[in-house]
Protein backbone atom coordinates (compact mmCIF):
# COMPACT_ATOMS: atom_id res chain seq x y z
CA MET A 1 -21.55 88.54 -2.46
CA GLU A 2 -24.28 86.86 -0.55
CA LYS A 3 -27.06 88.72 -2.29
CA THR A 4 -25.89 87.16 -5.62
CA THR A 5 -25.66 83.73 -4.16
CA ASN A 6 -29.11 84.51 -2.60
CA ASN A 7 -30.11 85.64 -6.02
CA LYS A 8 -28.96 82.34 -8.06
CA ARG A 9 -30.58 79.96 -5.01
CA LYS A 10 -33.69 81.64 -5.58
CA GLN A 11 -33.76 81.44 -9.58
CA THR A 12 -32.91 77.54 -9.34
CA LEU A 13 -35.72 77.08 -7.18
CA LEU A 14 -38.12 79.16 -9.26
CA ASP A 15 -36.89 76.81 -12.26
CA GLU A 16 -37.29 73.66 -10.21
CA ILE A 17 -40.88 75.10 -9.47
CA TYR A 18 -41.95 75.68 -12.95
CA SER A 19 -40.55 72.27 -14.14
CA LEU A 20 -42.15 70.31 -11.19
CA ARG A 21 -45.55 72.11 -11.83
CA LYS A 22 -45.13 71.62 -15.29
CA GLU A 23 -44.19 67.82 -15.01
CA MET A 24 -47.34 67.47 -12.24
CA MET A 25 -49.88 68.84 -14.82
CA ILE A 26 -48.97 66.76 -17.62
CA TYR A 27 -49.09 63.56 -15.10
CA GLY A 28 -52.39 64.78 -13.56
CA SER A 29 -54.22 65.48 -16.49
CA THR A 30 -53.22 62.25 -18.40
CA LYS A 31 -52.69 59.63 -15.41
CA GLY A 32 -55.03 61.38 -12.83
CA LEU A 33 -54.73 63.45 -9.83
CA THR A 34 -54.49 60.26 -7.34
CA ASN A 35 -51.97 58.67 -9.63
CA GLN A 36 -48.78 57.79 -6.97
CA LYS A 37 -46.47 59.73 -9.44
CA THR A 38 -48.98 62.70 -9.48
CA ILE A 39 -48.83 62.63 -5.89
CA GLU A 40 -45.03 62.53 -5.49
CA LEU A 41 -44.53 65.27 -7.75
CA SER A 42 -46.96 67.49 -5.75
CA GLN A 43 -45.07 66.95 -2.58
CA LYS A 44 -41.81 67.75 -4.12
CA LEU A 45 -43.35 70.90 -5.70
CA ASP A 46 -45.02 71.50 -2.26
CA ASN A 47 -40.96 71.33 -1.02
CA ALA A 48 -39.45 73.29 -3.48
CA LEU A 49 -42.28 75.96 -2.59
CA ASN A 50 -41.55 76.13 1.09
CA LYS A 51 -38.03 76.19 0.45
CA TYR A 52 -38.36 79.40 -1.96
CA GLN A 53 -40.44 80.95 0.79
CA LEU A 54 -37.77 80.79 3.26
CA THR A 55 -35.35 82.30 0.90
CA SER A 56 -37.71 85.41 0.23
């Protein structure tokens, strides 16, 4: 049971990572890499990647 829950948690994090990465790339390419929203998305992506790494 715990393994299934962990797999679901990992998949949820992967979905979040892909979504954040896509959104950040769009903002970065249209608004610039120093745009506040791009930076916020980058930080959220970093946090999601760190959480994912801890579940592995």
